[in-house]
């Protein structure tokens, strides 16, 4: 089944969680399908995104099975840092524990190690990436594999306007 089939499926496939604050626009599923079907470049982009996302899910499942908590925590923090677009972002230990499928105490140990190494600061539900290179060196190879999958499948989106 392609991305079109997934979008046409009935009901939600799971719980949706918003990790970072920001703006969003709800789009009715039928309207989205019509847009996608009427614009082949959009349809191709959606298919590529789904493929990259599925690779991320597969790497995440393998990573959760074979890598240490510290490596997995570093991977998750790097991915969040990439999406946040800033060094400091809101992230509670409870949320991170939920995302990594472990107890809060386990996340506390992993973030404590990353903090002691000087890679992050953690204060009252906010993480600050202090040493990204150090965090990358602690992360498992899954982070780079996921980034490579997205980079190879999705074009770089220009966010600055022409002439700026």
N, C-alpha and C. Protein backbone atom coordinates (compact mmCIF):
# COMPACT_ATOMS: atom_id res chain seq x y z
N UNK A 1 0.85 -1.17 0.00
CA UNK A 1 0.00 0.00 0.00
C UNK A 1 0.90 1.24 0.00
N UNK A 2 0.61 2.17 -0.87
CA UNK A 2 1.37 3.41 -0.94
C UNK A 2 0.86 4.42 0.07
N UNK A 3 1.44 5.61 0.02
CA UNK A 3 1.04 6.68 0.93
C UNK A 3 -0.43 7.03 0.75
N UNK A 4 -0.93 6.97 -0.49
CA UNK A 4 -2.34 7.29 -0.74
C UNK A 4 -3.25 6.34 0.04
N UNK A 5 -2.89 5.06 0.04
CA UNK A 5 -3.68 4.08 0.78
C UNK A 5 -3.67 4.33 2.26
N UNK A 6 -2.52 4.73 2.79
CA UNK A 6 -2.44 5.04 4.21
C UNK A 6 -3.30 6.23 4.58
N UNK A 7 -3.29 7.24 3.72
CA UNK A 7 -4.08 8.44 4.00
C UNK A 7 -5.56 8.14 3.92
N UNK A 8 -5.97 7.20 3.07
CA UNK A 8 -7.38 6.87 2.91
C UNK A 8 -7.89 5.93 3.99
N UNK A 9 -6.99 5.40 4.81
CA UNK A 9 -7.40 4.48 5.87
C UNK A 9 -8.35 5.18 6.84
N UNK A 10 -9.24 4.41 7.41
CA UNK A 10 -10.22 4.95 8.35
C UNK A 10 -9.61 5.07 9.74
N UNK A 11 -9.85 6.19 10.37
CA UNK A 11 -9.45 6.36 11.77
C UNK A 11 -7.96 6.60 11.94
N UNK A 12 -7.63 7.03 13.14
CA UNK A 12 -6.23 7.28 13.49
C UNK A 12 -5.50 5.96 13.71
N UNK A 13 -4.21 5.95 13.38
CA UNK A 13 -3.41 4.75 13.56
C UNK A 13 -2.80 4.69 14.95
N UNK A 14 -2.94 5.74 15.72
CA UNK A 14 -2.37 5.75 17.06
C UNK A 14 -2.57 7.10 17.70
N UNK A 15 -1.95 7.27 18.83
CA UNK A 15 -2.03 8.51 19.57
C UNK A 15 -1.06 9.51 18.95
N UNK A 16 -1.52 10.72 18.72
CA UNK A 16 -0.65 11.77 18.19
C UNK A 16 -0.22 12.67 19.33
N UNK A 17 1.09 12.87 19.43
CA UNK A 17 1.64 13.72 20.47
C UNK A 17 2.38 14.88 19.83
N UNK A 18 2.20 16.06 20.38
CA UNK A 18 2.92 17.23 19.92
C UNK A 18 4.08 17.44 20.87
N UNK A 19 5.29 17.41 20.33
CA UNK A 19 6.46 17.52 21.17
C UNK A 19 6.89 18.96 21.39
N UNK A 20 6.80 19.79 20.37
CA UNK A 20 7.26 21.17 20.47
C UNK A 20 6.12 22.13 20.15
N UNK A 21 6.07 23.26 20.82
CA UNK A 21 5.02 24.23 20.50
C UNK A 21 5.26 24.84 19.13
N UNK A 22 4.20 25.24 18.47
CA UNK A 22 4.32 25.86 17.16
C UNK A 22 2.95 26.00 16.53
N UNK A 23 2.94 26.45 15.30
CA UNK A 23 1.69 26.66 14.58
C UNK A 23 1.37 25.44 13.73
N UNK A 24 0.10 25.18 13.56
CA UNK A 24 -0.36 24.08 12.72
C UNK A 24 -1.70 24.48 12.11
N UNK A 25 -1.98 23.92 10.97
CA UNK A 25 -3.25 24.17 10.29
C UNK A 25 -3.93 22.83 10.05
N UNK A 26 -5.12 22.63 10.62
CA UNK A 26 -5.82 21.37 10.36
C UNK A 26 -6.36 21.35 8.94
N UNK A 27 -6.24 20.20 8.28
CA UNK A 27 -6.76 20.02 6.93
C UNK A 27 -7.62 18.77 6.93
N UNK A 28 -8.83 18.89 6.42
CA UNK A 28 -9.74 17.75 6.33
C UNK A 28 -9.12 16.70 5.40
N UNK A 29 -9.25 15.43 5.76
CA UNK A 29 -8.59 14.35 5.02
C UNK A 29 -9.00 14.33 3.55
N UNK A 30 -10.28 14.51 3.25
CA UNK A 30 -10.73 14.50 1.86
C UNK A 30 -10.10 15.62 1.05
N UNK A 31 -9.99 16.78 1.64
CA UNK A 31 -9.36 17.92 0.97
C UNK A 31 -7.89 17.63 0.70
N UNK A 32 -7.22 17.03 1.68
CA UNK A 32 -5.81 16.69 1.51
C UNK A 32 -5.64 15.65 0.40
N UNK A 33 -6.49 14.64 0.37
CA UNK A 33 -6.41 13.61 -0.68
C UNK A 33 -6.59 14.23 -2.06
N UNK A 34 -7.57 15.13 -2.19
CA UNK A 34 -7.81 15.78 -3.48
C UNK A 34 -6.59 16.59 -3.91
N UNK A 35 -6.00 17.32 -2.99
CA UNK A 35 -4.80 18.10 -3.28
C UNK A 35 -3.68 17.18 -3.74
N UNK A 36 -3.48 16.12 -2.99
CA UNK A 36 -2.41 15.19 -3.31
C UNK A 36 -2.64 14.54 -4.68
N UNK A 37 -3.87 14.11 -4.94
CA UNK A 37 -4.18 13.43 -6.19
C UNK A 37 -4.09 14.36 -7.40
N UNK A 38 -4.36 15.64 -7.19
CA UNK A 38 -4.37 16.58 -8.32
C UNK A 38 -2.99 17.19 -8.61
N UNK A 39 -2.04 16.93 -7.75
CA UNK A 39 -0.70 17.51 -7.94
C UNK A 39 0.35 16.41 -7.77
N UNK A 40 0.76 15.80 -8.89
CA UNK A 40 1.75 14.72 -8.81
C UNK A 40 3.03 15.08 -8.05
N UNK A 41 3.57 16.31 -8.16
CA UNK A 41 4.77 16.62 -7.36
C UNK A 41 4.51 16.55 -5.85
N UNK A 42 3.31 16.98 -5.42
CA UNK A 42 2.95 16.91 -4.01
C UNK A 42 2.81 15.44 -3.60
N UNK A 43 2.16 14.66 -4.45
CA UNK A 43 1.98 13.24 -4.18
C UNK A 43 3.34 12.54 -4.04
N UNK A 44 4.27 12.87 -4.93
CA UNK A 44 5.62 12.28 -4.87
C UNK A 44 6.31 12.66 -3.57
N UNK A 45 6.19 13.92 -3.18
CA UNK A 45 6.81 14.39 -1.94
C UNK A 45 6.23 13.67 -0.73
N UNK A 46 4.91 13.49 -0.71
CA UNK A 46 4.26 12.77 0.40
C UNK A 46 4.74 11.32 0.45
N UNK A 47 4.84 10.68 -0.70
CA UNK A 47 5.33 9.30 -0.75
C UNK A 47 6.77 9.22 -0.24
N UNK A 48 7.60 10.16 -0.64
CA UNK A 48 9.00 10.16 -0.17
C UNK A 48 9.06 10.39 1.33
N UNK A 49 8.21 11.28 1.84
CA UNK A 49 8.20 11.52 3.27
C UNK A 49 7.78 10.27 4.03
N UNK A 50 6.73 9.59 3.55
CA UNK A 50 6.30 8.35 4.20
C UNK A 50 7.41 7.30 4.19
N UNK A 51 8.12 7.20 3.08
CA UNK A 51 9.21 6.23 2.98
C UNK A 51 10.31 6.56 4.00
N UNK A 52 10.69 7.84 4.07
CA UNK A 52 11.71 8.25 5.04
C UNK A 52 11.23 8.02 6.47
N UNK A 53 9.96 8.32 6.72
CA UNK A 53 9.39 8.11 8.05
C UNK A 53 9.39 6.62 8.42
N UNK A 54 9.05 5.77 7.47
CA UNK A 54 9.07 4.32 7.75
C UNK A 54 10.49 3.85 8.05
N UNK A 55 11.47 4.39 7.34
CA UNK A 55 12.87 4.04 7.65
C UNK A 55 13.23 4.51 9.05
N UNK A 56 12.75 5.70 9.44
CA UNK A 56 13.00 6.20 10.78
C UNK A 56 12.39 5.27 11.82
N UNK A 57 11.18 4.82 11.59
CA UNK A 57 10.51 3.91 12.51
C UNK A 57 11.29 2.60 12.63
N UNK A 58 11.74 2.07 11.51
CA UNK A 58 12.51 0.82 11.54
C UNK A 58 13.83 0.99 12.27
N UNK A 59 14.54 2.07 12.01
CA UNK A 59 15.79 2.32 12.73
C UNK A 59 15.50 2.50 14.23
N UNK A 60 14.43 3.22 14.54
CA UNK A 60 14.08 3.44 15.94
C UNK A 60 13.79 2.14 16.67
N UNK A 61 13.08 1.23 16.00
CA UNK A 61 12.77 -0.07 16.63
C UNK A 61 14.04 -0.86 16.88
N UNK A 62 14.92 -0.89 15.88
CA UNK A 62 16.19 -1.62 16.04
C UNK A 62 17.04 -0.95 17.12
N UNK A 63 17.08 0.36 17.08
CA UNK A 63 17.87 1.13 18.05
C UNK A 63 17.41 0.84 19.48
N UNK A 64 16.10 0.82 19.67
CA UNK A 64 15.58 0.56 21.01
C UNK A 64 15.95 -0.82 21.52
N UNK A 65 16.23 -1.72 20.62
CA UNK A 65 16.58 -3.09 21.02
C UNK A 65 18.07 -3.27 21.28
N UNK A 66 18.93 -2.57 20.51
CA UNK A 66 20.35 -2.91 20.57
C UNK A 66 21.27 -1.84 21.17
N UNK A 67 20.80 -0.61 21.29
CA UNK A 67 21.70 0.43 21.78
C UNK A 67 21.41 0.83 23.22
N UNK A 68 22.43 1.41 23.85
CA UNK A 68 22.30 1.81 25.25
C UNK A 68 21.33 2.98 25.39
N UNK A 69 20.84 3.15 26.59
CA UNK A 69 19.91 4.24 26.87
C UNK A 69 20.56 5.59 26.59
N UNK A 70 21.82 5.75 26.93
CA UNK A 70 22.52 7.01 26.70
C UNK A 70 22.59 7.32 25.20
N UNK A 71 22.90 6.31 24.39
CA UNK A 71 22.96 6.50 22.93
C UNK A 71 21.58 6.86 22.37
N UNK A 72 20.56 6.15 22.83
CA UNK A 72 19.19 6.40 22.36
C UNK A 72 18.71 7.78 22.78
N UNK A 73 19.03 8.18 23.99
CA UNK A 73 18.64 9.49 24.49
C UNK A 73 19.33 10.59 23.66
N UNK A 74 20.61 10.40 23.38
CA UNK A 74 21.34 11.37 22.55
C UNK A 74 20.71 11.46 21.16
N UNK A 75 20.33 10.32 20.57
CA UNK A 75 19.68 10.32 19.25
C UNK A 75 18.38 11.12 19.31
N UNK A 76 17.57 10.86 20.31
CA UNK A 76 16.28 11.56 20.42
C UNK A 76 16.49 13.06 20.61
N UNK A 77 17.45 13.44 21.45
CA UNK A 77 17.71 14.86 21.68
C UNK A 77 18.22 15.55 20.41
N UNK A 78 19.06 14.86 19.65
CA UNK A 78 19.54 15.42 18.38
C UNK A 78 18.41 15.62 17.39
N UNK A 79 17.52 14.64 17.29
CA UNK A 79 16.40 14.75 16.36
C UNK A 79 15.46 15.88 16.78
N UNK A 80 15.25 16.05 18.07
CA UNK A 80 14.42 17.13 18.57
C UNK A 80 15.10 18.47 18.32
N UNK A 81 16.41 18.53 18.55
CA UNK A 81 17.18 19.75 18.30
C UNK A 81 17.07 20.15 16.83
N UNK A 82 17.14 19.17 15.94
CA UNK A 82 17.00 19.45 14.50
C UNK A 82 15.66 20.10 14.19
N UNK A 83 14.61 19.60 14.79
CA UNK A 83 13.27 20.09 14.50
C UNK A 83 12.93 21.39 15.24
N UNK A 84 13.54 21.60 16.39
CA UNK A 84 13.24 22.79 17.19
C UNK A 84 13.82 24.05 16.54
N UNK A 85 14.94 23.91 15.87
CA UNK A 85 15.56 25.07 15.24
C UNK A 85 16.20 26.03 16.22
N UNK A 86 16.40 25.58 17.44
CA UNK A 86 17.06 26.39 18.47
C UNK A 86 17.70 25.46 19.48
N UNK A 87 18.65 25.99 20.23
CA UNK A 87 19.40 25.16 21.18
C UNK A 87 18.61 24.79 22.43
N UNK A 88 17.67 25.62 22.84
CA UNK A 88 16.86 25.35 24.03
C UNK A 88 15.43 25.06 23.59
N UNK A 89 14.89 23.98 24.13
CA UNK A 89 13.52 23.59 23.79
C UNK A 89 12.88 22.89 24.98
N UNK A 90 11.54 22.95 25.07
CA UNK A 90 10.85 22.30 26.19
C UNK A 90 10.86 20.79 26.02
N UNK A 91 11.22 20.08 27.07
CA UNK A 91 11.20 18.62 27.03
C UNK A 91 11.28 18.10 28.46
N UNK A 92 10.21 17.52 28.94
CA UNK A 92 10.22 16.97 30.29
C UNK A 92 10.79 15.56 30.28
N UNK A 93 11.29 15.15 31.42
CA UNK A 93 11.80 13.78 31.53
C UNK A 93 10.67 12.78 31.38
N UNK A 94 9.47 13.14 31.83
CA UNK A 94 8.32 12.24 31.67
C UNK A 94 8.04 12.00 30.19
N UNK A 95 8.04 13.09 29.40
CA UNK A 95 7.77 12.95 27.96
C UNK A 95 8.88 12.12 27.30
N UNK A 96 10.13 12.41 27.61
CA UNK A 96 11.24 11.68 27.03
C UNK A 96 11.19 10.20 27.42
N UNK A 97 10.81 9.91 28.65
CA UNK A 97 10.66 8.53 29.09
C UNK A 97 9.58 7.83 28.28
N UNK A 98 8.48 8.52 28.05
CA UNK A 98 7.40 7.96 27.24
C UNK A 98 7.87 7.67 25.81
N UNK A 99 8.59 8.61 25.22
CA UNK A 99 9.07 8.46 23.84
C UNK A 99 10.09 7.33 23.71
N UNK A 100 10.90 7.13 24.74
CA UNK A 100 11.94 6.10 24.68
C UNK A 100 11.48 4.76 25.27
N UNK A 101 10.29 4.75 25.84
CA UNK A 101 9.74 3.51 26.37
C UNK A 101 10.44 3.00 27.62
N UNK A 102 10.87 3.93 28.46
CA UNK A 102 11.55 3.56 29.70
C UNK A 102 10.96 4.34 30.87
N UNK A 103 11.41 4.01 32.06
CA UNK A 103 10.96 4.73 33.25
C UNK A 103 11.66 6.09 33.33
N UNK A 104 11.03 7.01 34.02
CA UNK A 104 11.59 8.35 34.19
C UNK A 104 12.96 8.29 34.87
N UNK A 105 13.12 7.38 35.81
CA UNK A 105 14.40 7.25 36.51
C UNK A 105 15.52 6.87 35.55
N UNK A 106 15.20 6.07 34.54
CA UNK A 106 16.20 5.67 33.55
C UNK A 106 16.61 6.88 32.69
N UNK A 107 15.63 7.69 32.31
CA UNK A 107 15.91 8.92 31.56
C UNK A 107 16.74 9.86 32.42
N UNK A 108 16.43 9.93 33.70
CA UNK A 108 17.17 10.79 34.62
C UNK A 108 18.66 10.41 34.63
N UNK A 109 18.95 9.12 34.64
CA UNK A 109 20.35 8.66 34.61
C UNK A 109 21.02 9.04 33.29
N UNK A 110 20.35 8.80 32.18
CA UNK A 110 20.94 9.08 30.86
C UNK A 110 21.17 10.58 30.66
N UNK A 111 20.16 11.39 31.00
CA UNK A 111 20.34 12.84 30.83
C UNK A 111 21.38 13.37 31.82
N UNK A 112 21.48 12.72 32.99
CA UNK A 112 22.50 13.10 33.96
C UNK A 112 23.90 12.86 33.42
N UNK A 113 24.08 11.75 32.71
CA UNK A 113 25.38 11.45 32.11
C UNK A 113 25.70 12.45 30.99
N UNK A 114 24.72 12.78 30.19
CA UNK A 114 24.92 13.75 29.10
C UNK A 114 25.20 15.14 29.65
N UNK A 115 24.54 15.46 30.77
CA UNK A 115 24.75 16.74 31.43
C UNK A 115 26.16 16.80 32.04
N UNK A 116 26.55 15.73 32.71
CA UNK A 116 27.88 15.67 33.34
C UNK A 116 28.99 15.77 32.29
N UNK A 117 28.75 15.22 31.10
CA UNK A 117 29.73 15.29 30.01
C UNK A 117 29.79 16.69 29.39
N UNK A 118 28.82 17.55 29.74
CA UNK A 118 28.81 18.91 29.22
C UNK A 118 28.13 19.06 27.88
N UNK A 119 27.36 18.05 27.47
CA UNK A 119 26.69 18.08 26.17
C UNK A 119 25.35 18.82 26.23
N UNK A 120 24.68 18.74 27.39
CA UNK A 120 23.37 19.38 27.54
C UNK A 120 23.28 20.07 28.90
N UNK A 121 22.32 20.97 29.00
CA UNK A 121 21.87 21.50 30.29
C UNK A 121 20.41 21.13 30.38
N UNK A 122 19.97 20.83 31.58
CA UNK A 122 18.57 20.48 31.79
C UNK A 122 18.08 21.20 33.03
N UNK A 123 17.05 22.02 32.86
CA UNK A 123 16.53 22.77 33.99
C UNK A 123 15.04 22.98 33.80
N UNK A 124 14.24 22.48 34.74
CA UNK A 124 12.80 22.70 34.79
C UNK A 124 12.09 22.46 33.47
N UNK A 125 12.30 21.29 32.91
CA UNK A 125 11.57 20.91 31.70
C UNK A 125 12.09 21.53 30.42
N UNK A 126 13.30 22.08 30.48
CA UNK A 126 13.91 22.65 29.27
C UNK A 126 15.30 22.06 29.10
N UNK A 127 15.55 21.62 27.88
CA UNK A 127 16.86 21.08 27.51
C UNK A 127 17.59 22.13 26.68
N UNK A 128 18.86 22.31 26.93
CA UNK A 128 19.70 23.15 26.09
C UNK A 128 20.85 22.29 25.58
N UNK A 129 20.99 22.24 24.26
CA UNK A 129 22.12 21.54 23.66
C UNK A 129 23.31 22.49 23.72
N UNK A 130 24.31 22.11 24.50
CA UNK A 130 25.50 22.94 24.72
C UNK A 130 26.61 22.53 23.77
N UNK A 131 26.78 21.23 23.55
CA UNK A 131 27.85 20.70 22.71
C UNK A 131 27.24 19.67 21.75
N UNK A 132 26.80 20.15 20.60
CA UNK A 132 26.15 19.26 19.63
C UNK A 132 27.11 18.18 19.13
N UNK A 133 28.35 18.54 18.85
CA UNK A 133 29.33 17.55 18.38
C UNK A 133 29.53 16.45 19.42
N UNK A 134 29.57 16.82 20.68
CA UNK A 134 29.69 15.84 21.74
C UNK A 134 28.48 14.93 21.81
N UNK A 135 27.29 15.53 21.66
CA UNK A 135 26.05 14.75 21.67
C UNK A 135 26.02 13.78 20.48
N UNK A 136 26.48 14.25 19.31
CA UNK A 136 26.55 13.38 18.13
C UNK A 136 27.53 12.23 18.36
N UNK A 137 28.63 12.50 19.04
CA UNK A 137 29.62 11.44 19.30
C UNK A 137 29.09 10.40 20.26
N UNK A 138 28.13 10.77 21.10
CA UNK A 138 27.53 9.85 22.05
C UNK A 138 26.39 9.04 21.43
N UNK A 139 25.73 9.64 20.46
CA UNK A 139 24.60 8.97 19.80
C UNK A 139 25.09 7.76 19.01
N UNK A 140 24.20 6.80 18.85
CA UNK A 140 24.51 5.65 18.02
C UNK A 140 24.47 6.06 16.54
N UNK A 141 24.87 5.16 15.66
CA UNK A 141 24.89 5.43 14.22
C UNK A 141 23.49 5.58 13.64
N UNK A 142 22.47 5.22 14.39
CA UNK A 142 21.09 5.33 13.89
C UNK A 142 20.74 6.77 13.56
N UNK A 143 21.24 7.71 14.35
CA UNK A 143 20.93 9.12 14.08
C UNK A 143 21.39 9.50 12.68
N UNK A 144 22.63 9.21 12.35
CA UNK A 144 23.16 9.57 11.03
C UNK A 144 22.43 8.82 9.92
N UNK A 145 22.05 7.58 10.16
CA UNK A 145 21.33 6.79 9.16
C UNK A 145 19.95 7.40 8.89
N UNK A 146 19.28 7.86 9.92
CA UNK A 146 17.97 8.48 9.77
C UNK A 146 18.10 9.80 9.01
N UNK A 147 19.10 10.60 9.37
CA UNK A 147 19.33 11.88 8.68
C UNK A 147 19.64 11.62 7.21
N UNK A 148 20.45 10.63 6.94
CA UNK A 148 20.82 10.30 5.55
C UNK A 148 19.57 9.89 4.75
N UNK A 149 18.67 9.13 5.38
CA UNK A 149 17.44 8.71 4.70
C UNK A 149 16.60 9.92 4.32
N UNK A 150 16.41 10.83 5.26
CA UNK A 150 15.62 12.04 4.95
C UNK A 150 16.32 12.89 3.90
N UNK A 151 17.63 13.09 4.04
CA UNK A 151 18.36 13.94 3.10
C UNK A 151 18.33 13.37 1.68
N UNK A 152 18.36 12.05 1.56
CA UNK A 152 18.38 11.44 0.23
C UNK A 152 17.00 11.44 -0.43
N UNK A 153 15.95 11.52 0.36
CA UNK A 153 14.60 11.42 -0.18
C UNK A 153 13.84 12.74 -0.29
N UNK A 154 14.18 13.68 0.55
CA UNK A 154 13.41 14.92 0.57
C UNK A 154 14.29 16.10 0.17
N UNK A 155 13.77 16.98 -0.67
CA UNK A 155 14.54 18.14 -1.07
C UNK A 155 14.70 19.12 0.09
N UNK A 156 15.74 19.91 0.02
CA UNK A 156 15.93 20.95 1.01
C UNK A 156 14.91 22.04 0.75
N UNK A 157 14.21 22.44 1.78
CA UNK A 157 13.19 23.48 1.63
C UNK A 157 13.82 24.83 1.93
N UNK A 158 13.73 25.74 1.00
CA UNK A 158 14.26 27.08 1.19
C UNK A 158 13.24 27.88 2.00
N UNK A 159 13.68 28.40 3.15
CA UNK A 159 12.76 29.16 3.99
C UNK A 159 12.96 30.66 3.85
N UNK A 160 14.05 31.09 3.25
CA UNK A 160 14.25 32.52 3.08
C UNK A 160 13.67 32.97 1.75
N UNK A 161 13.17 34.20 1.72
CA UNK A 161 12.58 34.71 0.49
C UNK A 161 13.68 35.18 -0.46
N UNK A 162 13.36 35.18 -1.76
CA UNK A 162 14.34 35.59 -2.76
C UNK A 162 14.73 37.03 -2.54
N UNK A 163 16.01 37.30 -2.72
CA UNK A 163 16.51 38.66 -2.59
C UNK A 163 16.79 39.07 -1.16
N UNK A 164 16.60 38.19 -0.19
CA UNK A 164 16.85 38.55 1.21
C UNK A 164 18.31 38.40 1.53
